Structures are given as structure tokens and as C-alpha cells.
Amino acid sequence: MTCRYSMLIQWSDEDAAFVVTLPEFHGCKTHGDTYEEAARNGREALESLIEAYQAEGRPLPDPAKLGTAVQVV
């Protein structure tokens, strides 16, 4: 699946893990012990969110483009 949605991966000392934020999906989060695991988990979360939106007949959010801000509600 080609995915054009954003993933922000940041280290969290508090969680001792890499935290993944999915801005276009209202800041949904996941995590991983390594950067690679966090990226995999982020991609899986995006795929699950896309499938859920489609199953519910909800419109998908527009992917953010480089240079534009995404408002997380």
C-alpha cells in the first residue's frame, strides 16, 4: 500500500521508547523500543486507520505536504 501520510518519530526519555505520532489522524500515537520497530508500528497503525476509515465510509484526511503545517486536534 502506498502511503503518503506523515509519521513523526521521536525518542521519549519518559517512556524509554521511540514514540510515533500520526498528525493527519488527530495525533494518534504508537511506539517501539527501536527506531525501526517504531517505524514498522507506525506504518501498521496507518494501514489499520485507513482500513477502518474505509470500512466506516469515512473520508480519509488529506495527506500533509512538505512545508505545510498539520493541525493536531
PDB file of N, CA and C in Angstrom:
ATOM      1  N   MET A   1       0.843  -1.176   0.000  1.00  0.00           N
ATOM      2  CA  MET A   1       0.000   0.000   0.000  1.00  0.00           C
ATOM      3  C   MET A   1       0.891   1.242   0.000  1.00  0.00           C
ATOM      4  N   THR A   2       0.668   2.135  -0.952  1.00  0.00           N
ATOM      5  CA  THR A   2       1.390   3.395  -0.987  1.00  0.00           C
ATOM      6  C   THR A   2       0.736   4.331   0.010  1.00  0.00           C
ATOM      7  N   CYS A   3       1.543   4.903   0.859  1.00  0.00           N
ATOM      8  CA  CYS A   3       1.016   5.744   1.920  1.00  0.00           C
ATOM      9  C   CYS A   3       1.731   7.089   1.889  1.00  0.00           C
ATOM     10  N   ARG A   4       0.974   8.160   1.856  1.00  0.00           N
ATOM     11  CA  ARG A   4       1.567   9.495   1.807  1.00  0.00           C
ATOM     12  C   ARG A   4       1.302  10.285   3.079  1.00  0.00           C
ATOM     13  N   TYR A   5       1.024   9.589   4.154  1.00  0.00           N
ATOM     14  CA  TYR A   5       0.754  10.260   5.415  1.00  0.00           C
ATOM     15  C   TYR A   5       2.036  10.422   6.222  1.00  0.00           C
ATOM     16  N   SER A   6       2.024  11.381   7.115  1.00  0.00           N
ATOM     17  CA  SER A   6       3.193  11.714   7.927  1.00  0.00           C
ATOM     18  C   SER A   6       3.307  10.823   9.156  1.00  0.00           C
ATOM     19  N   MET A   7       4.546  10.568   9.528  1.00  0.00           N
ATOM     20  CA  MET A   7       4.854   9.928  10.804  1.00  0.00           C
ATOM     21  C   MET A   7       5.978  10.733  11.442  1.00  0.00           C
ATOM     22  N   LEU A   8       5.777  11.160  12.663  1.00  0.00           N
ATOM     23  CA  LEU A   8       6.817  11.848  13.413  1.00  0.00           C
ATOM     24  C   LEU A   8       7.325  10.867  14.464  1.00  0.00           C
ATOM     25  N   ILE A   9       8.614  10.542  14.396  1.00  0.00           N
ATOM     26  CA  ILE A   9       9.201   9.580  15.337  1.00  0.00           C
ATOM     27  C   ILE A   9      10.184  10.337  16.221  1.00  0.00           C
ATOM     28  N   GLN A  10       9.935  10.270  17.536  1.00  0.00           N
ATOM     29  CA  GLN A  10      10.774  10.971  18.499  1.00  0.00           C
ATOM     30  C   GLN A  10      11.096  10.062  19.685  1.00  0.00           C
ATOM     31  N   TRP A  11      12.303  10.223  20.226  1.00  0.00           N
ATOM     32  CA  TRP A  11      12.680   9.493  21.428  1.00  0.00           C
ATOM     33  C   TRP A  11      12.009  10.144  22.637  1.00  0.00           C
ATOM     34  N   SER A  12      11.499   9.315  23.542  1.00  0.00           N
ATOM     35  CA  SER A  12      10.900   9.788  24.788  1.00  0.00           C
ATOM     36  C   SER A  12      11.664   9.193  25.963  1.00  0.00           C
ATOM     37  N   ASP A  13      12.366  10.055  26.721  1.00  0.00           N
ATOM     38  CA  ASP A  13      13.040   9.578  27.939  1.00  0.00           C
ATOM     39  C   ASP A  13      12.026   9.034  28.933  1.00  0.00           C
ATOM     40  N   GLU A  14      10.886   9.713  29.031  1.00  0.00           N
ATOM     41  CA  GLU A  14       9.851   9.310  29.984  1.00  0.00           C
ATOM     42  C   GLU A  14       9.358   7.890  29.711  1.00  0.00           C
ATOM     43  N   ASP A  15       9.170   7.553  28.417  1.00  0.00           N
ATOM     44  CA  ASP A  15       8.668   6.230  28.043  1.00  0.00           C
ATOM     45  C   ASP A  15       9.783   5.242  27.738  1.00  0.00           C
ATOM     46  N   ALA A  16      11.013   5.726  27.630  1.00  0.00           N
ATOM     47  CA  ALA A  16      12.163   4.905  27.236  1.00  0.00           C
ATOM     48  C   ALA A  16      11.850   4.145  25.949  1.00  0.00           C
ATOM     49  N   ALA A  17      11.289   4.888  24.984  1.00  0.00           N
ATOM     50  CA  ALA A  17      10.888   4.294  23.707  1.00  0.00           C
ATOM     51  C   ALA A  17      10.808   5.398  22.655  1.00  0.00           C
ATOM     52  N   PHE A  18      10.776   4.969  21.401  1.00  0.00           N
ATOM     53  CA  PHE A  18      10.516   5.889  20.301  1.00  0.00           C
ATOM     54  C   PHE A  18       9.000   6.006  20.149  1.00  0.00           C
ATOM     55  N   VAL A  19       8.494   7.216  20.196  1.00  0.00           N
ATOM     56  CA  VAL A  19       7.054   7.465  20.089  1.00  0.00           C
ATOM     57  C   VAL A  19       6.759   7.982  18.680  1.00  0.00           C
ATOM     58  N   VAL A  20       5.752   7.391  18.065  1.00  0.00           N
ATOM     59  CA  VAL A  20       5.334   7.752  16.714  1.00  0.00           C
ATOM     60  C   VAL A  20       4.015   8.501  16.800  1.00  0.00           C
ATOM     61  N   THR A  21       3.963   9.685  16.205  1.00  0.00           N
ATOM     62  CA  THR A  21       2.740  10.474  16.134  1.00  0.00           C
ATOM     63  C   THR A  21       2.287  10.522  14.682  1.00  0.00           C
ATOM     64  N   LEU A  22       0.998  10.323  14.464  1.00  0.00           N
ATOM     65  CA  LEU A  22       0.404  10.352  13.125  1.00  0.00           C
ATOM     66  C   LEU A  22      -0.461  11.610  13.031  1.00  0.00           C
ATOM     67  N   PRO A  23       0.127  12.733  12.604  1.00  0.00           N
ATOM     68  CA  PRO A  23      -0.560  14.031  12.684  1.00  0.00           C
ATOM     69  C   PRO A  23      -1.877  14.117  11.932  1.00  0.00           C
ATOM     70  N   GLU A  24      -1.960  13.557  10.748  1.00  0.00           N
ATOM     71  CA  GLU A  24      -3.193  13.687   9.971  1.00  0.00           C
ATOM     72  C   GLU A  24      -4.357  12.913  10.574  1.00  0.00           C
ATOM     73  N   PHE A  25      -4.052  11.996  11.466  1.00  0.00           N
ATOM     74  CA  PHE A  25      -5.087  11.191  12.132  1.00  0.00           C
ATOM     75  C   PHE A  25      -5.223  11.632  13.593  1.00  0.00           C
ATOM     76  N   HIS A  26      -5.404  12.936  13.765  1.00  0.00           N
ATOM     77  CA  HIS A  26      -5.660  13.541  15.081  1.00  0.00           C
ATOM     78  C   HIS A  26      -4.579  13.212  16.107  1.00  0.00           C
ATOM     79  N   GLY A  27      -3.343  13.058  15.638  1.00  0.00           N
ATOM     80  CA  GLY A  27      -2.235  12.829  16.553  1.00  0.00           C
ATOM     81  C   GLY A  27      -2.208  11.450  17.171  1.00  0.00           C
ATOM     82  N   CYS A  28      -2.843  10.477  16.529  1.00  0.00           N
ATOM     83  CA  CYS A  28      -2.804   9.097  17.008  1.00  0.00           C
ATOM     84  C   CYS A  28      -1.346   8.708  17.246  1.00  0.00           C
ATOM     85  N   LYS A  29      -1.091   7.902  18.267  1.00  0.00           N
ATOM     86  CA  LYS A  29       0.291   7.544  18.620  1.00  0.00           C
ATOM     87  C   LYS A  29       0.471   6.041  18.753  1.00  0.00           C
ATOM     88  N   THR A  30       1.708   5.618  18.515  1.00  0.00           N
ATOM     89  CA  THR A  30       2.163   4.262  18.798  1.00  0.00           C
ATOM     90  C   THR A  30       3.624   4.392  19.206  1.00  0.00           C
ATOM     91  N   HIS A  31       4.313   3.292  19.397  1.00  0.00           N
ATOM     92  CA  HIS A  31       5.703   3.380  19.852  1.00  0.00           C
ATOM     93  C   HIS A  31       6.482   2.127  19.460  1.00  0.00           C
ATOM     94  N   GLY A  32       7.771   2.151  19.770  1.00  0.00           N
ATOM     95  CA  GLY A  32       8.624   0.984  19.578  1.00  0.00           C
ATOM     96  C   GLY A  32       9.897   1.131  20.389  1.00  0.00           C
ATOM     97  N   ASP A  33      10.505   0.010  20.727  1.00  0.00           N
ATOM     98  CA  ASP A  33      11.753   0.034  21.501  1.00  0.00           C
ATOM     99  C   ASP A  33      12.925   0.529  20.666  1.00  0.00           C
ATOM    100  N   THR A  34      12.880   0.304  19.352  1.00  0.00           N
ATOM    101  CA  THR A  34      13.910   0.797  18.443  1.00  0.00           C
ATOM    102  C   THR A  34      13.245   1.699  17.406  1.00  0.00           C
ATOM    103  N   TYR A  35      14.063   2.485  16.719  1.00  0.00           N
ATOM    104  CA  TYR A  35      13.527   3.360  15.670  1.00  0.00           C
ATOM    105  C   TYR A  35      12.843   2.532  14.591  1.00  0.00           C
ATOM    106  N   GLU A  36      13.473   1.419  14.213  1.00  0.00           N
ATOM    107  CA  GLU A  36      12.925   0.552  13.170  1.00  0.00           C
ATOM    108  C   GLU A  36      11.587  -0.046  13.587  1.00  0.00           C
ATOM    109  N   GLU A  37      11.503  -0.487  14.838  1.00  0.00           N
ATOM    110  CA  GLU A  37      10.246  -1.053  15.338  1.00  0.00           C
ATOM    111  C   GLU A  37       9.160   0.024  15.382  1.00  0.00           C
ATOM    112  N   ALA A  38       9.530   1.226  15.801  1.00  0.00           N
ATOM    113  CA  ALA A  38       8.568   2.321  15.838  1.00  0.00           C
ATOM    114  C   ALA A  38       8.052   2.634  14.438  1.00  0.00           C
ATOM    115  N   ALA A  39       8.943   2.652  13.453  1.00  0.00           N
ATOM    116  CA  ALA A  39       8.530   2.919  12.075  1.00  0.00           C
ATOM    117  C   ALA A  39       7.584   1.831  11.569  1.00  0.00           C
ATOM    118  N   ARG A  40       7.893   0.573  11.869  1.00  0.00           N
ATOM    119  CA  ARG A  40       7.002  -0.541  11.473  1.00  0.00           C
ATOM    120  C   ARG A  40       5.635  -0.391  12.141  1.00  0.00           C
ATOM    121  N   ASN A  41       5.655  -0.118  13.436  1.00  0.00           N
ATOM    122  CA  ASN A  41       4.395   0.035  14.171  1.00  0.00           C
ATOM    123  C   ASN A  41       3.602   1.232  13.660  1.00  0.00           C
ATOM    124  N   GLY A  42       4.282   2.305  13.305  1.00  0.00           N
ATOM    125  CA  GLY A  42       3.612   3.466  12.740  1.00  0.00           C
ATOM    126  C   GLY A  42       2.942   3.137  11.419  1.00  0.00           C
ATOM    127  N   ARG A  43       3.657   2.400  10.568  1.00  0.00           N
ATOM    128  CA  ARG A  43       3.083   2.018   9.273  1.00  0.00           C
ATOM    129  C   ARG A  43       1.868   1.100   9.474  1.00  0.00           C
ATOM    130  N   GLU A  44       1.978   0.146  10.395  1.00  0.00           N
ATOM    131  CA  GLU A  44       0.845  -0.744  10.678  1.00  0.00           C
ATOM    132  C   GLU A  44      -0.345   0.047  11.211  1.00  0.00           C
ATOM    133  N   ALA A  45      -0.085   1.020  12.075  1.00  0.00           N
ATOM    134  CA  ALA A  45      -1.161   1.845  12.615  1.00  0.00           C
ATOM    135  C   ALA A  45      -1.833   2.641  11.495  1.00  0.00           C
ATOM    136  N   LEU A  46      -1.022   3.222  10.601  1.00  0.00           N
ATOM    137  CA  LEU A  46      -1.591   3.953   9.468  1.00  0.00           C
ATOM    138  C   LEU A  46      -2.464   3.052   8.610  1.00  0.00           C
ATOM    139  N   GLU A  47      -1.977   1.857   8.297  1.00  0.00           N
ATOM    140  CA  GLU A  47      -2.747   0.926   7.476  1.00  0.00           C
ATOM    141  C   GLU A  47      -4.060   0.556   8.157  1.00  0.00           C
ATOM    142  N   SER A  48      -4.007   0.323   9.471  1.00  0.00           N
ATOM    143  CA  SER A  48      -5.226  -0.016  10.212  1.00  0.00           C
ATOM    144  C   SER A  48      -6.210   1.149  10.231  1.00  0.00           C
ATOM    145  N   LEU A  49      -5.699   2.356  10.423  1.00  0.00           N
ATOM    146  CA  LEU A  49      -6.572   3.530  10.421  1.00  0.00           C
ATOM    147  C   LEU A  49      -7.228   3.731   9.061  1.00  0.00           C
ATOM    148  N   ILE A  50      -6.461   3.578   7.999  1.00  0.00           N
ATOM    149  CA  ILE A  50      -7.001   3.728   6.649  1.00  0.00           C
ATOM    150  C   ILE A  50      -8.088   2.693   6.406  1.00  0.00           C
ATOM    151  N   GLU A  51      -7.826   1.441   6.780  1.00  0.00           N
ATOM    152  CA  GLU A  51      -8.829   0.379   6.608  1.00  0.00           C
ATOM    153  C   GLU A  51     -10.090   0.680   7.414  1.00  0.00           C
ATOM    154  N   ALA A  52      -9.927   1.162   8.639  1.00  0.00           N
ATOM    155  CA  ALA A  52     -11.078   1.466   9.490  1.00  0.00           C
ATOM    156  C   ALA A  52     -11.904   2.614   8.896  1.00  0.00           C
ATOM    157  N   TYR A  53     -11.245   3.653   8.449  1.00  0.00           N
ATOM    158  CA  TYR A  53     -11.957   4.778   7.823  1.00  0.00           C
ATOM    159  C   TYR A  53     -12.746   4.284   6.617  1.00  0.00           C
ATOM    160  N   GLN A  54     -12.105   3.478   5.775  1.00  0.00           N
ATOM    161  CA  GLN A  54     -12.770   2.985   4.573  1.00  0.00           C
ATOM    162  C   GLN A  54     -13.943   2.073   4.927  1.00  0.00           C
ATOM    163  N   ALA A  55     -13.776   1.197   5.911  1.00  0.00           N
ATOM    164  CA  ALA A  55     -14.851   0.290   6.316  1.00  0.00           C
ATOM    165  C   ALA A  55     -16.053   1.060   6.858  1.00  0.00           C
ATOM    166  N   GLU A  56     -15.786   2.190   7.511  1.00  0.00           N
ATOM    167  CA  GLU A  56     -16.857   3.004   8.084  1.00  0.00           C
ATOM    168  C   GLU A  56     -17.405   4.018   7.084  1.00  0.00           C
ATOM    169  N   GLY A  57     -16.822   4.080   5.892  1.00  0.00           N
ATOM    170  CA  GLY A  57     -17.272   5.025   4.886  1.00  0.00           C
ATOM    171  C   GLY A  57     -16.891   6.469   5.197  1.00  0.00           C
ATOM    172  N   ARG A  58     -15.885   6.644   6.052  1.00  0.00           N
ATOM    173  CA  ARG A  58     -15.435   7.990   6.422  1.00  0.00           C
ATOM    174  C   ARG A  58     -14.392   8.469   5.417  1.00  0.00           C
ATOM    175  N   PRO A  59     -14.406   9.748   5.085  1.00  0.00           N
ATOM    176  CA  PRO A  59     -13.384  10.259   4.178  1.00  0.00           C
ATOM    177  C   PRO A  59     -12.018  10.289   4.868  1.00  0.00           C
ATOM    178  N   LEU A  60     -10.996   9.928   4.118  1.00  0.00           N
ATOM    179  CA  LEU A  60      -9.639   9.978   4.655  1.00  0.00           C
ATOM    180  C   LEU A  60      -9.169  11.424   4.716  1.00  0.00           C
ATOM    181  N   PRO A  61      -8.345  11.755   5.715  1.00  0.00           N
ATOM    182  CA  PRO A  61      -7.805  13.113   5.765  1.00  0.00           C
ATOM    183  C   PRO A  61      -6.837  13.332   4.600  1.00  0.00           C
ATOM    184  N   ASP A  62      -6.690  14.583   4.205  1.00  0.00           N
ATOM    185  CA  ASP A  62      -5.712  14.903   3.175  1.00  0.00           C
ATOM    186  C   ASP A  62      -4.312  14.724   3.740  1.00  0.00           C
ATOM    187  N   PRO A  63      -3.408  14.081   2.985  1.00  0.00           N
ATOM    188  CA  PRO A  63      -2.027  13.983   3.453  1.00  0.00           C
ATOM    189  C   PRO A  63      -1.386  15.374   3.507  1.00  0.00           C
ATOM    190  N   ALA A  64      -0.569  15.607   4.513  1.00  0.00           N
ATOM    191  CA  ALA A  64       0.164  16.866   4.617  1.00  0.00           C
ATOM    192  C   ALA A  64       1.243  16.896   3.543  1.00  0.00           C
ATOM    193  N   LYS A  65       1.582  18.091   3.108  1.00  0.00           N
ATOM    194  CA  LYS A  65       2.641  18.253   2.120  1.00  0.00           C
ATOM    195  C   LYS A  65       3.805  18.978   2.769  1.00  0.00           C
ATOM    196  N   LEU A  66       4.992  18.728   2.287  1.00  0.00           N
ATOM    197  CA  LEU A  66       6.195  19.366   2.805  1.00  0.00           C
ATOM    198  C   LEU A  66       6.005  20.878   2.800  1.00  0.00           C
ATOM    199  N   GLY A  67       6.313  21.497   3.928  1.00  0.00           N
ATOM    200  CA  GLY A  67       6.191  22.940   4.020  1.00  0.00           C
ATOM    201  C   GLY A  67       4.844  23.426   4.517  1.00  0.00           C
ATOM    202  N   THR A  68       3.914  22.495   4.784  1.00  0.00           N
ATOM    203  CA  THR A  68       2.620  22.897   5.326  1.00  0.00           C
ATOM    204  C   THR A  68       2.467  22.314   6.717  1.00  0.00           C
ATOM    205  N   ALA A  69       1.842  23.038   7.577  1.00  0.00           N
ATOM    206  CA  ALA A  69       1.640  22.583   8.947  1.00  0.00           C
ATOM    207  C   ALA A  69       0.384  21.726   9.027  1.00  0.00           C
ATOM    208  N   VAL A  70       0.422  20.753   9.927  1.00  0.00           N
ATOM    209  CA  VAL A  70      -0.747  19.919  10.189  1.00  0.00           C
ATOM    210  C   VAL A  70      -1.254  20.291  11.565  1.00  0.00           C
ATOM    211  N   GLN A  71      -2.515  20.652  11.673  1.00  0.00           N
ATOM    212  CA  GLN A  71      -3.131  20.999  12.944  1.00  0.00           C
ATOM    213  C   GLN A  71      -3.602  19.710  13.614  1.00  0.00           C
ATOM    214  N   VAL A  72      -3.073  19.402  14.781  1.00  0.00           N
ATOM    215  CA  VAL A  72      -3.496  18.234  15.539  1.00  0.00           C
ATOM    216  C   VAL A  72      -4.556  18.695  16.520  1.00  0.00           C
ATOM    217  N   VAL A  73      -5.750  18.107  16.412  1.00  0.00           N
ATOM    218  CA  VAL A  73      -6.873  18.493  17.273  1.00  0.00           C
ATOM    219  C   VAL A  73      -6.972  17.549  18.434  1.00  0.00           C
TER     220      VAL A  73
END
